[in-house]
């Protein structure tokens, strides 16, 4: 499953919770890619990597998982469910 989230606040973090219904469960590795930067930041030909995503892996199991979104960010989560 792929989930895409954003936090449009310029100053406040956001705690999100993803809850699966029925008999569905998160099943192991979740790859989290978060793009967070100054709202006015942008890439140029001279500085093509100024805004880049930070990626990490988390272990998600059970029906509920939570994640903290930084201010001014876009987040993509790739996870398995069963």
C-alpha atoms as a PDB file:
ATOM      1  CA  UNK A   1       0.000   0.000   0.000  1.00  0.00           C
ATOM      2  CA  UNK A   2       1.232   3.503  -0.758  1.00  0.00           C
ATOM      3  CA  UNK A   3       0.065   6.462   1.314  1.00  0.00           C
ATOM      4  CA  UNK A   4       0.927  10.074   0.490  1.00  0.00           C
ATOM      5  CA  UNK A   5       0.529  12.796   3.111  1.00  0.00           C
ATOM      6  CA  UNK A   6       1.421  16.450   3.482  1.00  0.00           C
ATOM      7  CA  UNK A   7       1.729  18.942   6.303  1.00  0.00           C
ATOM      8  CA  UNK A   8       1.079  22.431   4.933  1.00  0.00           C
ATOM      9  CA  UNK A   9       1.858  24.193   8.212  1.00  0.00           C
ATOM     10  CA  UNK A  10       4.965  26.351   8.036  1.00  0.00           C
ATOM     11  CA  UNK A  11       5.724  25.982  11.752  1.00  0.00           C
ATOM     12  CA  UNK A  12       3.819  23.105  13.381  1.00  0.00           C
ATOM     13  CA  UNK A  13       4.630  19.391  13.345  1.00  0.00           C
ATOM     14  CA  UNK A  14       1.737  16.980  12.863  1.00  0.00           C
ATOM     15  CA  UNK A  15       1.266  13.557  14.445  1.00  0.00           C
ATOM     16  CA  UNK A  16      -0.714  11.259  12.157  1.00  0.00           C
ATOM     17  CA  UNK A  17      -2.157   7.833  12.823  1.00  0.00           C
ATOM     18  CA  UNK A  18      -3.029   5.272  10.158  1.00  0.00           C
ATOM     19  CA  UNK A  19      -5.616   2.744  11.321  1.00  0.00           C
ATOM     20  CA  UNK A  20      -6.563  -0.314   9.245  1.00  0.00           C
ATOM     21  CA  UNK A  21     -10.069  -1.717   9.530  1.00  0.00           C
ATOM     22  CA  UNK A  22     -11.341  -5.267   9.728  1.00  0.00           C
ATOM     23  CA  UNK A  23      -8.799  -8.073   9.812  1.00  0.00           C
ATOM     24  CA  UNK A  24      -6.122  -6.080   7.912  1.00  0.00           C
ATOM     25  CA  UNK A  25      -2.711  -5.680   9.554  1.00  0.00           C
ATOM     26  CA  UNK A  26       0.520  -3.907   8.724  1.00  0.00           C
ATOM     27  CA  UNK A  27       3.077  -6.562   7.853  1.00  0.00           C
ATOM     28  CA  UNK A  28       6.696  -5.559   8.419  1.00  0.00           C
ATOM     29  CA  UNK A  29       8.866  -3.061   6.626  1.00  0.00           C
ATOM     30  CA  UNK A  30       7.541   0.413   5.782  1.00  0.00           C
ATOM     31  CA  UNK A  31       9.678   2.711   3.625  1.00  0.00           C
ATOM     32  CA  UNK A  32       9.144   6.354   4.532  1.00  0.00           C
ATOM     33  CA  UNK A  33      10.276   9.120   2.183  1.00  0.00           C
ATOM     34  CA  UNK A  34       9.882  12.654   3.508  1.00  0.00           C
ATOM     35  CA  UNK A  35      10.543  15.863   1.597  1.00  0.00           C
ATOM     36  CA  UNK A  36      10.911  18.757   4.005  1.00  0.00           C
ATOM     37  CA  UNK A  37      12.599  22.068   3.504  1.00  0.00           C
ATOM     38  CA  UNK A  38      12.207  25.801   3.621  1.00  0.00           C
ATOM     39  CA  UNK A  39       8.938  26.611   1.861  1.00  0.00           C
ATOM     40  CA  UNK A  40      10.861  28.933  -0.458  1.00  0.00           C
ATOM     41  CA  UNK A  41      13.583  26.393  -1.323  1.00  0.00           C
ATOM     42  CA  UNK A  42      13.853  25.066  -4.864  1.00  0.00           C
ATOM     43  CA  UNK A  43      16.285  23.164  -7.054  1.00  0.00           C
ATOM     44  CA  UNK A  44      18.214  24.842  -9.860  1.00  0.00           C
ATOM     45  CA  UNK A  45      20.669  23.654 -12.488  1.00  0.00           C
ATOM     46  CA  UNK A  46      23.481  25.054 -10.306  1.00  0.00           C
ATOM     47  CA  UNK A  47      22.097  23.443  -7.130  1.00  0.00           C
ATOM     48  CA  UNK A  48      20.023  20.406  -8.244  1.00  0.00           C
ATOM     49  CA  UNK A  49      20.033  18.679  -4.835  1.00  0.00           C
ATOM     50  CA  UNK A  50      19.027  21.524  -2.561  1.00  0.00           C
ATOM     51  CA  UNK A  51      15.598  19.942  -1.981  1.00  0.00           C
ATOM     52  CA  UNK A  52      15.823  16.149  -1.731  1.00  0.00           C
ATOM     53  CA  UNK A  53      13.815  13.528   0.152  1.00  0.00           C
ATOM     54  CA  UNK A  54      15.099  11.885   3.312  1.00  0.00           C
ATOM     55  CA  UNK A  55      14.341   8.159   3.359  1.00  0.00           C
ATOM     56  CA  UNK A  56      14.267   5.641   6.178  1.00  0.00           C
ATOM     57  CA  UNK A  57      12.723   2.268   6.984  1.00  0.00           C
ATOM     58  CA  UNK A  58      10.472   1.453   9.937  1.00  0.00           C
ATOM     59  CA  UNK A  59       8.951  -1.798  11.174  1.00  0.00           C
ATOM     60  CA  UNK A  60       5.148  -1.520  11.092  1.00  0.00           C
ATOM     61  CA  UNK A  61       3.006  -4.282  12.576  1.00  0.00           C
ATOM     62  CA  UNK A  62      -0.532  -4.423  13.918  1.00  0.00           C
ATOM     63  CA  UNK A  63      -3.561  -2.364  12.916  1.00  0.00           C
ATOM     64  CA  UNK A  64      -2.367   1.112  13.911  1.00  0.00           C
ATOM     65  CA  UNK A  65       0.862   2.948  13.098  1.00  0.00           C
ATOM     66  CA  UNK A  66       1.793   6.562  13.690  1.00  0.00           C
ATOM     67  CA  UNK A  67       4.222   9.015  12.170  1.00  0.00           C
ATOM     68  CA  UNK A  68       5.298  12.587  12.920  1.00  0.00           C
ATOM     69  CA  UNK A  69       5.233  14.931   9.924  1.00  0.00           C
ATOM     70  CA  UNK A  70       7.642  17.861  10.042  1.00  0.00           C
ATOM     71  CA  UNK A  71       6.454  21.361   9.114  1.00  0.00           C
ATOM     72  CA  UNK A  72       6.110  22.040   5.394  1.00  0.00           C
ATOM     73  CA  UNK A  73       6.632  18.471   4.226  1.00  0.00           C
ATOM     74  CA  UNK A  74       5.342  15.870   1.816  1.00  0.00           C
ATOM     75  CA  UNK A  75       5.604  12.231   2.838  1.00  0.00           C
ATOM     76  CA  UNK A  76       5.249   8.934   0.935  1.00  0.00           C
ATOM     77  CA  UNK A  77       4.894   5.667   2.817  1.00  0.00           C
ATOM     78  CA  UNK A  78       5.215   2.293   1.098  1.00  0.00           C
ATOM     79  CA  UNK A  79       4.115  -0.549   3.356  1.00  0.00           C
ATOM     80  CA  UNK A  80       2.753  -4.071   3.229  1.00  0.00           C
ATOM     81  CA  UNK A  81      -0.597  -5.140   4.622  1.00  0.00           C
ATOM     82  CA  UNK A  82      -2.141  -8.571   5.000  1.00  0.00           C
END
